[in-house]
Amino acid sequence: MNKILALIIIFLITTSCATLPSNNIPQEINTYSNDGMIVGTMSFKNEKPIFNSYLYFYTGEDIDNFYGQKSVRINPSQTVKMKFKPDFFDNEKAVYFFAIKEKNGKYQFTTFRVFSNGGLSNSTLDLPINIDFNIEKGKVKYFGELFFDYKNGKLSLSNQSSRDLPLLKNKFPNLNIEE
């Protein structure tokens, strides 16, 4: 009986943990490869999350149409109660670092999706967006901050480089991040 209880607890802990996109940011980039990268932040008002997942979908010239779009996903901590566990807090914002590493080319964020798991019922809400970005061969470029205001259903992009770049360079010292 104790083994079953221990397995259930381990399962709940491993499946309910927060997703931190910064855990997947490469520590370095090969300047001679055809790949490049953007880095930036995604933020939310630091209140109790009302959604189980937040996804930013993007597509580009070199993304295979068979697979469609790729995404950056954020899951708040859901072990006991839902709460944001970001890379850092900025006043009333929960802020997450993210990176997208792709081949040299033009890309676009196309959809912002929120997912809610209500136990017996699930729901998703898609917000169409149109935010272009370029990835340059062998470079790491600062993208900016995507802020989602869920009360008003608005997404904004702003330059927070004075806040973000020192923190990014401290956390990822081997990345030569350009503005």
N, C-alpha and C. Protein backbone atom coordinates (compact mmCIF):
# COMPACT_ATOMS: atom_id res chain seq x y z
N MET A 1 0.82 -1.19 0.00
CA MET A 1 0.00 0.00 0.00
C MET A 1 0.87 1.26 0.00
N ASN A 2 1.94 1.26 0.81
CA ASN A 2 2.83 2.41 0.86
C ASN A 2 3.53 2.66 -0.47
N LYS A 3 3.86 1.56 -1.18
CA LYS A 3 4.50 1.70 -2.48
C LYS A 3 3.56 2.37 -3.48
N ILE A 4 2.29 2.00 -3.44
CA ILE A 4 1.31 2.60 -4.35
C ILE A 4 1.15 4.09 -4.04
N LEU A 5 1.06 4.43 -2.77
CA LEU A 5 0.94 5.83 -2.37
C LEU A 5 2.17 6.62 -2.80
N ALA A 6 3.35 6.04 -2.61
CA ALA A 6 4.59 6.71 -3.03
C ALA A 6 4.61 6.92 -4.54
N LEU A 7 4.18 5.93 -5.31
CA LEU A 7 4.14 6.06 -6.77
C LEU A 7 3.16 7.15 -7.20
N ILE A 8 2.02 7.23 -6.54
CA ILE A 8 1.03 8.26 -6.86
C ILE A 8 1.60 9.65 -6.58
N ILE A 9 2.26 9.80 -5.46
CA ILE A 9 2.86 11.10 -5.11
C ILE A 9 3.94 11.48 -6.12
N ILE A 10 4.81 10.54 -6.47
CA ILE A 10 5.85 10.82 -7.46
C ILE A 10 5.23 11.18 -8.81
N PHE A 11 4.18 10.47 -9.20
CA PHE A 11 3.50 10.77 -10.46
C PHE A 11 2.93 12.19 -10.44
N LEU A 12 2.26 12.55 -9.35
CA LEU A 12 1.66 13.89 -9.26
C LEU A 12 2.71 14.98 -9.29
N ILE A 13 3.82 14.77 -8.62
CA ILE A 13 4.89 15.77 -8.59
C ILE A 13 5.51 15.94 -9.97
N THR A 14 5.79 14.84 -10.65
CA THR A 14 6.45 14.93 -11.96
C THR A 14 5.52 15.40 -13.06
N THR A 15 4.23 15.18 -12.95
CA THR A 15 3.32 15.61 -14.01
C THR A 15 2.68 16.95 -13.73
N SER A 16 2.81 17.49 -12.54
CA SER A 16 2.16 18.74 -12.20
C SER A 16 3.13 19.90 -12.03
N CYS A 17 4.38 19.68 -12.33
CA CYS A 17 5.37 20.73 -12.13
C CYS A 17 5.26 21.80 -13.20
N ALA A 18 5.72 22.97 -12.86
CA ALA A 18 5.70 24.09 -13.78
C ALA A 18 6.68 23.85 -14.92
N THR A 19 6.33 24.35 -16.11
CA THR A 19 7.21 24.29 -17.26
C THR A 19 7.97 25.60 -17.35
N LEU A 20 9.27 25.52 -17.34
CA LEU A 20 10.11 26.71 -17.44
C LEU A 20 10.84 26.66 -18.79
N PRO A 21 10.41 27.48 -19.76
CA PRO A 21 11.05 27.44 -21.08
C PRO A 21 12.55 27.70 -21.03
N SER A 22 13.02 28.42 -20.01
CA SER A 22 14.45 28.72 -19.93
C SER A 22 15.29 27.47 -19.71
N ASN A 23 14.68 26.39 -19.24
CA ASN A 23 15.42 25.13 -19.08
C ASN A 23 15.86 24.57 -20.42
N ASN A 24 15.21 25.00 -21.50
CA ASN A 24 15.53 24.48 -22.84
C ASN A 24 16.37 25.45 -23.67
N ILE A 25 16.80 26.55 -23.08
CA ILE A 25 17.62 27.51 -23.84
C ILE A 25 19.04 26.95 -23.97
N PRO A 26 19.52 26.83 -25.21
CA PRO A 26 20.90 26.34 -25.40
C PRO A 26 21.89 27.27 -24.71
N GLN A 27 22.93 26.70 -24.16
CA GLN A 27 23.94 27.48 -23.44
C GLN A 27 24.92 28.16 -24.38
N GLU A 28 24.95 27.73 -25.63
CA GLU A 28 25.83 28.35 -26.62
C GLU A 28 25.27 28.09 -28.01
N ILE A 29 25.79 28.81 -28.98
CA ILE A 29 25.36 28.62 -30.37
C ILE A 29 26.61 28.60 -31.25
N ASN A 30 26.60 27.73 -32.22
CA ASN A 30 27.70 27.61 -33.16
C ASN A 30 27.56 28.73 -34.19
N THR A 31 28.49 29.67 -34.17
CA THR A 31 28.40 30.81 -35.08
C THR A 31 28.64 30.43 -36.54
N TYR A 32 29.10 29.21 -36.80
CA TYR A 32 29.35 28.76 -38.16
C TYR A 32 28.20 27.93 -38.73
N SER A 33 27.20 27.63 -37.91
CA SER A 33 26.07 26.83 -38.41
C SER A 33 25.07 27.74 -39.10
N ASN A 34 24.08 27.16 -39.72
CA ASN A 34 23.02 27.92 -40.40
C ASN A 34 21.93 28.32 -39.41
N ASP A 35 22.07 27.89 -38.15
CA ASP A 35 21.07 28.20 -37.13
C ASP A 35 21.36 29.55 -36.48
N GLY A 36 20.31 30.14 -35.98
CA GLY A 36 20.39 31.35 -35.18
C GLY A 36 19.36 31.24 -34.08
N MET A 37 19.21 32.29 -33.29
CA MET A 37 18.29 32.20 -32.17
C MET A 37 17.78 33.58 -31.79
N ILE A 38 16.54 33.60 -31.30
CA ILE A 38 16.04 34.79 -30.61
C ILE A 38 15.83 34.41 -29.16
N VAL A 39 16.03 35.37 -28.27
CA VAL A 39 15.74 35.18 -26.85
C VAL A 39 14.91 36.37 -26.40
N GLY A 40 14.05 36.12 -25.45
CA GLY A 40 13.20 37.19 -24.95
C GLY A 40 12.48 36.73 -23.71
N THR A 41 11.40 37.43 -23.40
CA THR A 41 10.61 37.09 -22.22
C THR A 41 9.12 37.05 -22.57
N MET A 42 8.41 36.24 -21.81
CA MET A 42 6.95 36.16 -21.87
C MET A 42 6.46 36.42 -20.45
N SER A 43 5.50 37.30 -20.31
CA SER A 43 5.08 37.66 -18.96
C SER A 43 3.56 37.70 -18.82
N PHE A 44 3.15 37.57 -17.57
CA PHE A 44 1.74 37.55 -17.19
C PHE A 44 1.59 38.33 -15.90
N LYS A 45 0.41 38.87 -15.68
CA LYS A 45 0.16 39.55 -14.41
C LYS A 45 0.30 38.51 -13.31
N ASN A 46 1.04 38.85 -12.27
CA ASN A 46 1.31 37.90 -11.20
C ASN A 46 0.12 37.77 -10.26
N GLU A 47 -0.88 37.09 -10.76
CA GLU A 47 -2.06 36.74 -9.98
C GLU A 47 -2.20 35.23 -10.08
N LYS A 48 -3.17 34.67 -9.42
CA LYS A 48 -3.39 33.23 -9.55
C LYS A 48 -3.73 32.92 -11.02
N PRO A 49 -2.97 32.03 -11.66
CA PRO A 49 -3.26 31.69 -13.05
C PRO A 49 -4.67 31.11 -13.18
N ILE A 50 -5.32 31.44 -14.27
CA ILE A 50 -6.65 30.88 -14.50
C ILE A 50 -6.63 29.82 -15.60
N PHE A 51 -5.45 29.62 -16.21
CA PHE A 51 -5.31 28.61 -17.25
C PHE A 51 -4.19 27.64 -16.87
N ASN A 52 -4.32 26.40 -17.34
CA ASN A 52 -3.32 25.37 -17.04
C ASN A 52 -2.11 25.45 -17.97
N SER A 53 -2.28 25.99 -19.17
CA SER A 53 -1.18 26.10 -20.13
C SER A 53 -1.35 27.36 -20.97
N TYR A 54 -0.20 27.93 -21.32
CA TYR A 54 -0.14 29.09 -22.20
C TYR A 54 0.82 28.72 -23.32
N LEU A 55 0.38 28.81 -24.58
CA LEU A 55 1.21 28.40 -25.70
C LEU A 55 1.28 29.50 -26.75
N TYR A 56 2.50 29.76 -27.21
CA TYR A 56 2.73 30.68 -28.32
C TYR A 56 3.15 29.83 -29.52
N PHE A 57 2.34 29.82 -30.58
CA PHE A 57 2.65 29.04 -31.78
C PHE A 57 3.35 29.94 -32.80
N TYR A 58 4.34 29.37 -33.47
CA TYR A 58 5.03 30.12 -34.53
C TYR A 58 5.28 29.21 -35.71
N THR A 59 5.49 29.83 -36.85
CA THR A 59 5.79 29.10 -38.07
C THR A 59 6.80 29.93 -38.86
N GLY A 60 7.35 29.33 -39.91
CA GLY A 60 8.33 30.04 -40.71
C GLY A 60 8.62 29.34 -42.02
N GLU A 61 9.52 29.94 -42.79
CA GLU A 61 9.85 29.44 -44.12
C GLU A 61 10.34 28.00 -44.11
N ASP A 62 11.15 27.66 -43.13
CA ASP A 62 11.79 26.34 -43.12
C ASP A 62 11.10 25.33 -42.22
N ILE A 63 9.92 25.66 -41.73
CA ILE A 63 9.20 24.70 -40.90
C ILE A 63 8.33 23.85 -41.80
N ASP A 64 8.52 22.55 -41.70
CA ASP A 64 7.82 21.59 -42.53
C ASP A 64 6.30 21.74 -42.38
N ASN A 65 5.61 21.92 -43.49
CA ASN A 65 4.15 22.08 -43.45
C ASN A 65 3.44 20.86 -42.90
N PHE A 66 4.07 19.69 -43.00
CA PHE A 66 3.46 18.48 -42.48
C PHE A 66 3.26 18.58 -40.97
N TYR A 67 4.26 19.15 -40.30
CA TYR A 67 4.18 19.28 -38.85
C TYR A 67 3.50 20.57 -38.42
N GLY A 68 3.31 21.49 -39.35
CA GLY A 68 2.58 22.72 -39.05
C GLY A 68 3.40 23.70 -38.25
N GLN A 69 2.94 24.00 -37.05
CA GLN A 69 3.56 25.04 -36.25
C GLN A 69 4.33 24.44 -35.08
N LYS A 70 5.26 25.22 -34.58
CA LYS A 70 5.98 24.88 -33.37
C LYS A 70 5.50 25.81 -32.27
N SER A 71 5.85 25.50 -31.03
CA SER A 71 5.33 26.34 -29.94
C SER A 71 6.33 26.49 -28.80
N VAL A 72 6.09 27.54 -28.03
CA VAL A 72 6.74 27.75 -26.74
C VAL A 72 5.63 27.62 -25.72
N ARG A 73 5.82 26.77 -24.71
CA ARG A 73 4.75 26.45 -23.76
C ARG A 73 5.16 26.82 -22.33
N ILE A 74 4.19 27.36 -21.61
CA ILE A 74 4.38 27.66 -20.19
C ILE A 74 3.23 27.01 -19.43
N ASN A 75 3.60 26.20 -18.44
CA ASN A 75 2.61 25.60 -17.54
C ASN A 75 2.87 26.13 -16.14
N PRO A 76 1.90 26.80 -15.53
CA PRO A 76 2.09 27.20 -14.13
C PRO A 76 2.21 25.97 -13.24
N SER A 77 2.76 26.16 -12.06
CA SER A 77 2.84 25.09 -11.08
C SER A 77 1.43 24.68 -10.69
N GLN A 78 1.17 23.37 -10.64
CA GLN A 78 -0.18 22.89 -10.37
C GLN A 78 -0.17 21.76 -9.35
N THR A 79 0.88 21.68 -8.54
CA THR A 79 0.99 20.58 -7.60
C THR A 79 -0.09 20.64 -6.53
N VAL A 80 -0.20 21.73 -5.82
CA VAL A 80 -1.24 21.87 -4.80
C VAL A 80 -2.29 22.87 -5.27
N LYS A 81 -1.83 24.06 -5.65
CA LYS A 81 -2.71 25.05 -6.25
C LYS A 81 -1.94 25.73 -7.37
N MET A 82 -2.66 26.26 -8.33
CA MET A 82 -1.98 26.87 -9.47
C MET A 82 -1.33 28.18 -9.06
N LYS A 83 -0.05 28.34 -9.48
CA LYS A 83 0.65 29.60 -9.29
C LYS A 83 1.79 29.67 -10.29
N PHE A 84 2.16 30.88 -10.64
CA PHE A 84 3.28 31.07 -11.55
C PHE A 84 4.59 30.80 -10.81
N LYS A 85 5.51 30.12 -11.50
CA LYS A 85 6.88 29.91 -11.01
C LYS A 85 7.82 30.34 -12.12
N PRO A 86 7.96 31.66 -12.29
CA PRO A 86 8.74 32.18 -13.42
C PRO A 86 10.24 32.23 -13.13
N ASP A 87 10.98 32.73 -14.12
CA ASP A 87 12.41 32.97 -13.93
C ASP A 87 12.63 34.12 -12.95
N PHE A 88 11.75 35.12 -13.00
CA PHE A 88 11.81 36.23 -12.05
C PHE A 88 10.49 36.99 -12.05
N PHE A 89 10.33 37.82 -11.04
CA PHE A 89 9.16 38.69 -10.94
C PHE A 89 9.62 40.13 -11.18
N ASP A 90 8.80 40.89 -11.89
CA ASP A 90 9.06 42.30 -12.12
C ASP A 90 7.81 43.06 -11.69
N ASN A 91 7.86 43.59 -10.48
CA ASN A 91 6.69 44.24 -9.90
C ASN A 91 5.50 43.28 -9.93
N GLU A 92 4.51 43.58 -10.74
CA GLU A 92 3.30 42.74 -10.77
C GLU A 92 3.32 41.71 -11.89
N LYS A 93 4.48 41.45 -12.49
CA LYS A 93 4.57 40.51 -13.61
C LYS A 93 5.36 39.27 -13.21
N ALA A 94 4.87 38.12 -13.68
CA ALA A 94 5.64 36.88 -13.63
C ALA A 94 6.30 36.76 -15.00
N VAL A 95 7.64 36.69 -15.03
CA VAL A 95 8.38 36.79 -16.29
C VAL A 95 9.18 35.52 -16.54
N TYR A 96 9.01 34.98 -17.74
CA TYR A 96 9.69 33.75 -18.17
C TYR A 96 10.64 34.05 -19.33
N PHE A 97 11.85 33.53 -19.27
CA PHE A 97 12.76 33.59 -20.41
C PHE A 97 12.34 32.53 -21.42
N PHE A 98 12.57 32.83 -22.70
CA PHE A 98 12.35 31.81 -23.74
C PHE A 98 13.37 32.03 -24.85
N ALA A 99 13.54 31.01 -25.67
CA ALA A 99 14.41 31.11 -26.84
C ALA A 99 13.82 30.25 -27.95
N ILE A 100 14.04 30.70 -29.16
CA ILE A 100 13.67 29.91 -30.34
C ILE A 100 14.92 29.81 -31.20
N LYS A 101 15.37 28.57 -31.42
CA LYS A 101 16.54 28.31 -32.24
C LYS A 101 16.05 27.62 -33.52
N GLU A 102 16.31 28.26 -34.64
CA GLU A 102 15.87 27.75 -35.94
C GLU A 102 16.92 28.11 -36.99
N LYS A 103 16.65 27.68 -38.19
CA LYS A 103 17.50 28.03 -39.32
C LYS A 103 17.32 29.51 -39.67
N ASN A 104 18.31 30.08 -40.30
CA ASN A 104 18.26 31.45 -40.78
C ASN A 104 16.97 31.67 -41.58
N GLY A 105 16.19 32.71 -41.25
CA GLY A 105 14.98 32.97 -42.02
C GLY A 105 13.97 33.83 -41.30
N LYS A 106 12.80 33.97 -41.96
CA LYS A 106 11.69 34.78 -41.43
C LYS A 106 10.67 33.87 -40.76
N TYR A 107 10.20 34.32 -39.60
CA TYR A 107 9.25 33.54 -38.81
C TYR A 107 8.14 34.46 -38.31
N GLN A 108 7.10 33.83 -37.75
CA GLN A 108 5.97 34.61 -37.26
C GLN A 108 5.24 33.87 -36.15
N PHE A 109 4.98 34.60 -35.05
CA PHE A 109 4.05 34.08 -34.05
C PHE A 109 2.66 34.23 -34.65
N THR A 110 1.89 33.15 -34.67
CA THR A 110 0.58 33.18 -35.34
C THR A 110 -0.61 33.01 -34.40
N THR A 111 -0.38 32.32 -33.28
CA THR A 111 -1.50 32.02 -32.38
C THR A 111 -1.01 32.00 -30.94
N PHE A 112 -1.81 32.58 -30.08
CA PHE A 112 -1.61 32.45 -28.65
C PHE A 112 -2.77 31.62 -28.13
N ARG A 113 -2.47 30.52 -27.45
CA ARG A 113 -3.51 29.60 -26.97
C ARG A 113 -3.43 29.45 -25.46
N VAL A 114 -4.60 29.45 -24.85
CA VAL A 114 -4.69 29.12 -23.43
C VAL A 114 -5.50 27.84 -23.32
N PHE A 115 -5.10 27.00 -22.38
CA PHE A 115 -5.75 25.72 -22.18
C PHE A 115 -6.19 25.63 -20.73
N SER A 116 -7.42 25.21 -20.52
CA SER A 116 -7.95 25.05 -19.18
C SER A 116 -8.44 23.62 -19.01
N ASN A 117 -7.99 22.97 -17.94
CA ASN A 117 -8.40 21.61 -17.64
C ASN A 117 -9.29 21.66 -16.41
N GLY A 118 -10.58 21.52 -16.64
CA GLY A 118 -11.53 21.59 -15.53
C GLY A 118 -11.90 20.24 -14.96
N GLY A 119 -11.10 19.24 -15.20
CA GLY A 119 -11.40 17.90 -14.70
C GLY A 119 -12.28 17.15 -15.67
N LEU A 120 -13.58 17.38 -15.60
CA LEU A 120 -14.50 16.70 -16.51
C LEU A 120 -14.59 17.36 -17.87
N SER A 121 -14.19 18.62 -17.94
CA SER A 121 -14.24 19.31 -19.24
C SER A 121 -12.96 20.10 -19.45
N ASN A 122 -12.52 20.14 -20.69
CA ASN A 122 -11.35 20.91 -21.08
C ASN A 122 -11.78 21.98 -22.07
N SER A 123 -11.05 23.07 -22.09
CA SER A 123 -11.36 24.10 -23.07
C SER A 123 -10.08 24.78 -23.52
N THR A 124 -10.09 25.25 -24.75
CA THR A 124 -8.98 26.03 -25.28
C THR A 124 -9.54 27.31 -25.90
N LEU A 125 -8.73 28.32 -25.88
CA LEU A 125 -9.10 29.59 -26.50
C LEU A 125 -7.90 30.05 -27.29
N ASP A 126 -8.09 30.30 -28.57
CA ASP A 126 -7.02 30.75 -29.45
C ASP A 126 -7.19 32.22 -29.77
N LEU A 127 -6.09 32.97 -29.64
CA LEU A 127 -6.07 34.37 -30.00
C LEU A 127 -5.13 34.50 -31.20
N PRO A 128 -5.67 34.82 -32.39
CA PRO A 128 -4.79 34.98 -33.55
C PRO A 128 -3.87 36.18 -33.35
N ILE A 129 -2.60 36.00 -33.63
CA ILE A 129 -1.63 37.09 -33.53
C ILE A 129 -0.78 37.10 -34.79
N ASN A 130 -0.10 38.19 -35.01
CA ASN A 130 0.73 38.33 -36.20
C ASN A 130 1.97 39.14 -35.80
N ILE A 131 2.97 38.43 -35.27
CA ILE A 131 4.19 39.08 -34.83
C ILE A 131 5.37 38.44 -35.56
N ASP A 132 5.97 39.21 -36.47
CA ASP A 132 7.08 38.71 -37.27
C ASP A 132 8.40 38.82 -36.51
N PHE A 133 9.29 37.89 -36.80
CA PHE A 133 10.66 37.97 -36.29
C PHE A 133 11.60 37.27 -37.25
N ASN A 134 12.85 37.69 -37.24
CA ASN A 134 13.88 37.11 -38.09
C ASN A 134 14.91 36.40 -37.22
N ILE A 135 15.38 35.30 -37.74
CA ILE A 135 16.50 34.60 -37.10
C ILE A 135 17.67 34.69 -38.07
N GLU A 136 18.79 35.17 -37.55
CA GLU A 136 19.97 35.37 -38.37
C GLU A 136 21.01 34.30 -38.08
N LYS A 137 21.60 33.81 -39.13
CA LYS A 137 22.61 32.75 -39.05
C LYS A 137 23.71 33.11 -38.06
N GLY A 138 23.93 32.20 -37.09
CA GLY A 138 25.03 32.34 -36.15
C GLY A 138 24.86 33.42 -35.10
N LYS A 139 23.67 34.05 -35.02
CA LYS A 139 23.48 35.16 -34.08
C LYS A 139 22.38 34.84 -33.07
N VAL A 140 22.50 35.48 -31.92
CA VAL A 140 21.47 35.42 -30.88
C VAL A 140 20.96 36.85 -30.72
N LYS A 141 19.70 37.07 -31.07
CA LYS A 141 19.12 38.42 -31.04
C LYS A 141 18.06 38.51 -29.95
N TYR A 142 18.01 39.68 -29.32
CA TYR A 142 16.98 39.94 -28.31
C TYR A 142 15.66 40.25 -29.03
N PHE A 143 14.59 39.59 -28.59
CA PHE A 143 13.27 39.74 -29.22
C PHE A 143 12.42 40.79 -28.54
N GLY A 144 12.37 40.79 -27.23
CA GLY A 144 11.49 41.69 -26.49
C GLY A 144 10.65 40.90 -25.50
N GLU A 145 9.64 41.57 -24.95
CA GLU A 145 8.73 40.94 -23.98
C GLU A 145 7.34 40.83 -24.57
N LEU A 146 6.80 39.61 -24.54
CA LEU A 146 5.39 39.38 -24.88
C LEU A 146 4.62 39.36 -23.56
N PHE A 147 3.67 40.28 -23.41
CA PHE A 147 2.87 40.37 -22.19
C PHE A 147 1.42 40.07 -22.54
N PHE A 148 0.83 39.10 -21.83
CA PHE A 148 -0.56 38.74 -22.05
C PHE A 148 -1.42 39.29 -20.93
N ASP A 149 -2.35 40.16 -21.29
CA ASP A 149 -3.33 40.73 -20.37
C ASP A 149 -4.62 39.94 -20.55
N TYR A 150 -4.79 38.90 -19.73
CA TYR A 150 -5.93 38.01 -19.93
C TYR A 150 -7.26 38.65 -19.57
N LYS A 151 -7.26 39.65 -18.72
CA LYS A 151 -8.53 40.31 -18.38
C LYS A 151 -9.11 41.05 -19.57
N ASN A 152 -8.22 41.61 -20.42
CA ASN A 152 -8.68 42.34 -21.60
C ASN A 152 -8.46 41.57 -22.90
N GLY A 153 -7.87 40.37 -22.80
CA GLY A 153 -7.64 39.55 -23.98
C GLY A 153 -6.67 40.19 -24.97
N LYS A 154 -5.65 40.88 -24.45
CA LYS A 154 -4.71 41.57 -25.33
C LYS A 154 -3.29 41.07 -25.10
N LEU A 155 -2.56 41.04 -26.19
CA LEU A 155 -1.17 40.64 -26.17
C LEU A 155 -0.34 41.81 -26.69
N SER A 156 0.74 42.13 -25.99
CA SER A 156 1.57 43.25 -26.44
C SER A 156 3.04 42.82 -26.47
N LEU A 157 3.77 43.47 -27.37
CA LEU A 157 5.21 43.26 -27.49
C LEU A 157 5.90 44.57 -27.13
N SER A 158 6.85 44.51 -26.21
CA SER A 158 7.57 45.72 -25.83
C SER A 158 9.05 45.42 -25.65
N ASN A 159 9.86 46.45 -25.78
CA ASN A 159 11.29 46.32 -25.61
C ASN A 159 11.61 46.52 -24.13
N GLN A 160 12.06 45.48 -23.48
CA GLN A 160 12.46 45.53 -22.07
C GLN A 160 13.94 45.15 -21.94
N SER A 161 14.73 45.55 -22.95
CA SER A 161 16.13 45.13 -22.99
C SER A 161 16.93 45.62 -21.79
N SER A 162 16.62 46.81 -21.27
CA SER A 162 17.39 47.29 -20.12
C SER A 162 17.18 46.41 -18.89
N ARG A 163 16.04 45.77 -18.80
CA ARG A 163 15.77 44.84 -17.70
C ARG A 163 16.25 43.43 -18.05
N ASP A 164 15.93 42.98 -19.28
CA ASP A 164 16.14 41.58 -19.66
C ASP A 164 17.59 41.22 -19.99
N LEU A 165 18.29 42.07 -20.73
CA LEU A 165 19.63 41.69 -21.19
C LEU A 165 20.61 41.41 -20.06
N PRO A 166 20.68 42.24 -19.02
CA PRO A 166 21.61 41.89 -17.93
C PRO A 166 21.25 40.55 -17.27
N LEU A 167 19.96 40.28 -17.11
CA LEU A 167 19.53 39.01 -16.49
C LEU A 167 19.83 37.83 -17.40
N LEU A 168 19.56 37.98 -18.71
CA LEU A 168 19.85 36.91 -19.67
C LEU A 168 21.35 36.64 -19.74
N LYS A 169 22.15 37.70 -19.77
CA LYS A 169 23.60 37.53 -19.87
C LYS A 169 24.17 36.91 -18.60
N ASN A 170 23.55 37.18 -17.47
CA ASN A 170 23.99 36.57 -16.22
C ASN A 170 23.64 35.08 -16.20
N LYS A 171 22.44 34.74 -16.66
CA LYS A 171 22.00 33.34 -16.64
C LYS A 171 22.64 32.52 -17.76
N PHE A 172 22.91 33.15 -18.90
CA PHE A 172 23.49 32.47 -20.06
C PHE A 172 24.75 33.21 -20.53
N PRO A 173 25.82 33.14 -19.74
CA PRO A 173 27.02 33.94 -20.03
C PRO A 173 27.72 33.58 -21.35
N ASN A 174 27.49 32.40 -21.88
CA ASN A 174 28.15 31.98 -23.11
C ASN A 174 27.41 32.44 -24.37
N LEU A 175 26.24 33.03 -24.20
CA LEU A 175 25.49 33.53 -25.36
C LEU A 175 25.82 34.99 -25.58
N ASN A 176 26.23 35.31 -26.78
CA ASN A 176 26.50 36.71 -27.15
C ASN A 176 25.19 37.29 -27.70
N ILE A 177 24.38 37.86 -26.79
CA ILE A 177 23.05 38.34 -27.16
C ILE A 177 23.15 39.77 -27.67
N GLU A 178 22.64 39.97 -28.90
CA GLU A 178 22.64 41.29 -29.53
C GLU A 178 21.25 41.89 -29.44
N GLU A 179 21.21 43.23 -29.41
CA GLU A 179 19.92 43.90 -29.38
C GLU A 179 19.35 44.06 -30.76
